Amino acid sequence: MTYFDILLVAIACVSTPLIVAIILDIFYAEKKQVRFSLRRTSLWYLCMFALSFIPTVLLVTNNV
């Protein structure tokens, strides 16, 4: 694997957690009867990004 492959993985791991974070916050806001919050969405995004990007990079760089 090259650094270009890591860059492609990073791009994939940036876009997918963003969509998941927005969907999670919409469902959370509906359930708790609160408004959509950009701050809460950014926290969801941070969690989703960490769960997807860190293990992926560890797996990719482990196989180098």
N, C-alpha and C. Protein backbone atom coordinates (compact mmCIF):
# COMPACT_ATOMS: atom_id res chain seq x y z
N MET A 1 0.84 -1.19 0.00
CA MET A 1 0.00 0.00 0.00
C MET A 1 0.88 1.25 0.00
N THR A 2 0.41 2.23 -0.72
CA THR A 2 1.14 3.49 -0.79
C THR A 2 0.37 4.55 -0.03
N TYR A 3 0.99 5.72 0.06
CA TYR A 3 0.31 6.83 0.73
C TYR A 3 -0.90 7.31 -0.07
N PHE A 4 -0.89 7.07 -1.39
CA PHE A 4 -2.05 7.41 -2.20
C PHE A 4 -3.25 6.55 -1.78
N ASP A 5 -3.01 5.29 -1.48
CA ASP A 5 -4.08 4.41 -1.00
C ASP A 5 -4.63 4.88 0.33
N ILE A 6 -3.74 5.33 1.21
CA ILE A 6 -4.18 5.86 2.50
C ILE A 6 -5.02 7.11 2.29
N LEU A 7 -4.64 7.95 1.32
CA LEU A 7 -5.41 9.15 1.01
C LEU A 7 -6.81 8.78 0.51
N LEU A 8 -6.91 7.78 -0.35
CA LEU A 8 -8.22 7.34 -0.84
C LEU A 8 -9.08 6.80 0.30
N VAL A 9 -8.47 6.05 1.20
CA VAL A 9 -9.20 5.54 2.36
C VAL A 9 -9.67 6.71 3.23
N ALA A 10 -8.82 7.70 3.40
CA ALA A 10 -9.19 8.86 4.21
C ALA A 10 -10.37 9.60 3.61
N ILE A 11 -10.38 9.76 2.29
CA ILE A 11 -11.52 10.42 1.64
C ILE A 11 -12.80 9.64 1.87
N ALA A 12 -12.73 8.32 1.74
CA ALA A 12 -13.91 7.49 1.98
C ALA A 12 -14.35 7.56 3.43
N CYS A 13 -13.38 7.61 4.34
CA CYS A 13 -13.69 7.64 5.76
C CYS A 13 -14.13 9.02 6.24
N VAL A 14 -13.99 10.03 5.41
CA VAL A 14 -14.47 11.36 5.77
C VAL A 14 -15.92 11.54 5.34
N SER A 15 -16.26 11.08 4.15
CA SER A 15 -17.60 11.32 3.62
C SER A 15 -18.66 10.43 4.25
N THR A 16 -18.38 9.17 4.43
CA THR A 16 -19.37 8.24 4.98
C THR A 16 -19.77 8.58 6.42
N PRO A 17 -18.83 8.85 7.33
CA PRO A 17 -19.25 9.20 8.69
C PRO A 17 -20.05 10.50 8.76
N LEU A 18 -19.81 11.42 7.84
CA LEU A 18 -20.58 12.65 7.83
C LEU A 18 -22.05 12.37 7.56
N ILE A 19 -22.32 11.54 6.58
CA ILE A 19 -23.70 11.18 6.27
C ILE A 19 -24.34 10.42 7.43
N VAL A 20 -23.59 9.49 8.01
CA VAL A 20 -24.10 8.72 9.14
C VAL A 20 -24.37 9.63 10.34
N ALA A 21 -23.48 10.59 10.59
CA ALA A 21 -23.66 11.50 11.72
C ALA A 21 -24.91 12.36 11.55
N ILE A 22 -25.16 12.83 10.35
CA ILE A 22 -26.35 13.64 10.11
C ILE A 22 -27.60 12.80 10.32
N ILE A 23 -27.61 11.59 9.81
CA ILE A 23 -28.77 10.71 9.97
C ILE A 23 -28.98 10.37 11.45
N LEU A 24 -27.89 10.06 12.16
CA LEU A 24 -28.02 9.76 13.60
C LEU A 24 -28.59 10.94 14.36
N ASP A 25 -28.15 12.15 14.05
CA ASP A 25 -28.64 13.31 14.78
C ASP A 25 -30.10 13.60 14.45
N ILE A 26 -30.50 13.36 13.23
CA ILE A 26 -31.91 13.55 12.87
C ILE A 26 -32.79 12.59 13.67
N PHE A 27 -32.40 11.32 13.73
CA PHE A 27 -33.19 10.36 14.50
C PHE A 27 -33.15 10.65 15.99
N TYR A 28 -31.99 11.07 16.49
CA TYR A 28 -31.87 11.42 17.91
C TYR A 28 -32.75 12.62 18.24
N ALA A 29 -32.75 13.63 17.38
CA ALA A 29 -33.56 14.82 17.63
C ALA A 29 -35.05 14.50 17.59
N GLU A 30 -35.45 13.61 16.68
CA GLU A 30 -36.86 13.21 16.63
C GLU A 30 -37.27 12.46 17.89
N LYS A 31 -36.42 11.56 18.35
CA LYS A 31 -36.75 10.75 19.52
C LYS A 31 -36.81 11.59 20.79
N LYS A 32 -35.87 12.51 20.95
CA LYS A 32 -35.81 13.33 22.16
C LYS A 32 -36.63 14.61 22.06
N GLN A 33 -37.26 14.82 20.91
CA GLN A 33 -38.08 16.02 20.69
C GLN A 33 -37.26 17.31 20.89
N VAL A 34 -36.06 17.33 20.33
CA VAL A 34 -35.21 18.52 20.36
C VAL A 34 -34.89 18.91 18.92
N ARG A 35 -34.30 20.09 18.75
CA ARG A 35 -33.96 20.56 17.41
C ARG A 35 -32.65 19.94 16.94
N PHE A 36 -32.47 19.94 15.64
CA PHE A 36 -31.22 19.50 15.03
C PHE A 36 -30.09 20.40 15.49
N SER A 37 -28.98 19.82 15.91
CA SER A 37 -27.87 20.60 16.46
C SER A 37 -26.59 20.30 15.68
N LEU A 38 -25.98 21.36 15.20
CA LEU A 38 -24.71 21.18 14.48
C LEU A 38 -23.60 20.74 15.43
N ARG A 39 -23.63 21.22 16.64
CA ARG A 39 -22.63 20.81 17.63
C ARG A 39 -22.74 19.31 17.94
N ARG A 40 -23.97 18.85 18.14
CA ARG A 40 -24.18 17.43 18.41
C ARG A 40 -23.81 16.59 17.19
N THR A 41 -24.11 17.10 15.99
CA THR A 41 -23.74 16.39 14.77
C THR A 41 -22.23 16.28 14.64
N SER A 42 -21.52 17.33 15.01
CA SER A 42 -20.06 17.27 14.92
C SER A 42 -19.49 16.25 15.90
N LEU A 43 -20.13 16.08 17.05
CA LEU A 43 -19.68 15.05 17.99
C LEU A 43 -19.97 13.65 17.45
N TRP A 44 -21.15 13.48 16.84
CA TRP A 44 -21.46 12.20 16.20
C TRP A 44 -20.42 11.92 15.11
N TYR A 45 -20.08 12.97 14.34
CA TYR A 45 -19.13 12.80 13.25
C TYR A 45 -17.75 12.41 13.77
N LEU A 46 -17.34 13.05 14.84
CA LEU A 46 -16.04 12.73 15.43
C LEU A 46 -15.98 11.26 15.84
N CYS A 47 -17.04 10.79 16.44
CA CYS A 47 -17.09 9.38 16.86
C CYS A 47 -17.08 8.44 15.66
N MET A 48 -17.89 8.74 14.66
CA MET A 48 -17.95 7.88 13.47
C MET A 48 -16.63 7.89 12.71
N PHE A 49 -15.99 9.06 12.63
CA PHE A 49 -14.71 9.15 11.93
C PHE A 49 -13.65 8.34 12.65
N ALA A 50 -13.62 8.44 13.97
CA ALA A 50 -12.63 7.69 14.74
C ALA A 50 -12.86 6.18 14.59
N LEU A 51 -14.13 5.78 14.60
CA LEU A 51 -14.43 4.35 14.47
C LEU A 51 -14.11 3.80 13.09
N SER A 52 -14.10 4.65 12.07
CA SER A 52 -13.85 4.14 10.72
C SER A 52 -12.41 4.38 10.26
N PHE A 53 -11.84 5.53 10.57
CA PHE A 53 -10.54 5.89 10.01
C PHE A 53 -9.38 5.24 10.75
N ILE A 54 -9.39 5.26 12.05
CA ILE A 54 -8.24 4.76 12.82
C ILE A 54 -7.99 3.26 12.57
N PRO A 55 -9.00 2.40 12.67
CA PRO A 55 -8.73 0.98 12.38
C PRO A 55 -8.32 0.74 10.93
N THR A 56 -8.88 1.51 10.00
CA THR A 56 -8.54 1.34 8.60
C THR A 56 -7.08 1.68 8.34
N VAL A 57 -6.63 2.80 8.88
CA VAL A 57 -5.23 3.18 8.70
C VAL A 57 -4.31 2.16 9.36
N LEU A 58 -4.69 1.67 10.52
CA LEU A 58 -3.87 0.66 11.17
C LEU A 58 -3.77 -0.61 10.34
N LEU A 59 -4.87 -1.02 9.72
CA LEU A 59 -4.85 -2.20 8.87
C LEU A 59 -4.04 -1.97 7.59
N VAL A 60 -4.18 -0.78 7.00
CA VAL A 60 -3.48 -0.50 5.75
C VAL A 60 -1.98 -0.39 5.99
N THR A 61 -1.58 0.31 7.04
CA THR A 61 -0.16 0.47 7.28
C THR A 61 0.48 -0.78 7.86
N ASN A 62 -0.31 -1.65 8.44
CA ASN A 62 0.21 -2.91 8.97
C ASN A 62 0.60 -3.86 7.84
N ASN A 63 -0.06 -3.72 6.70
CA ASN A 63 0.19 -4.60 5.55
C ASN A 63 1.28 -4.08 4.63
N VAL A 64 1.91 -2.96 4.97
CA VAL A 64 2.94 -2.38 4.09
C VAL A 64 4.18 -3.22 4.12
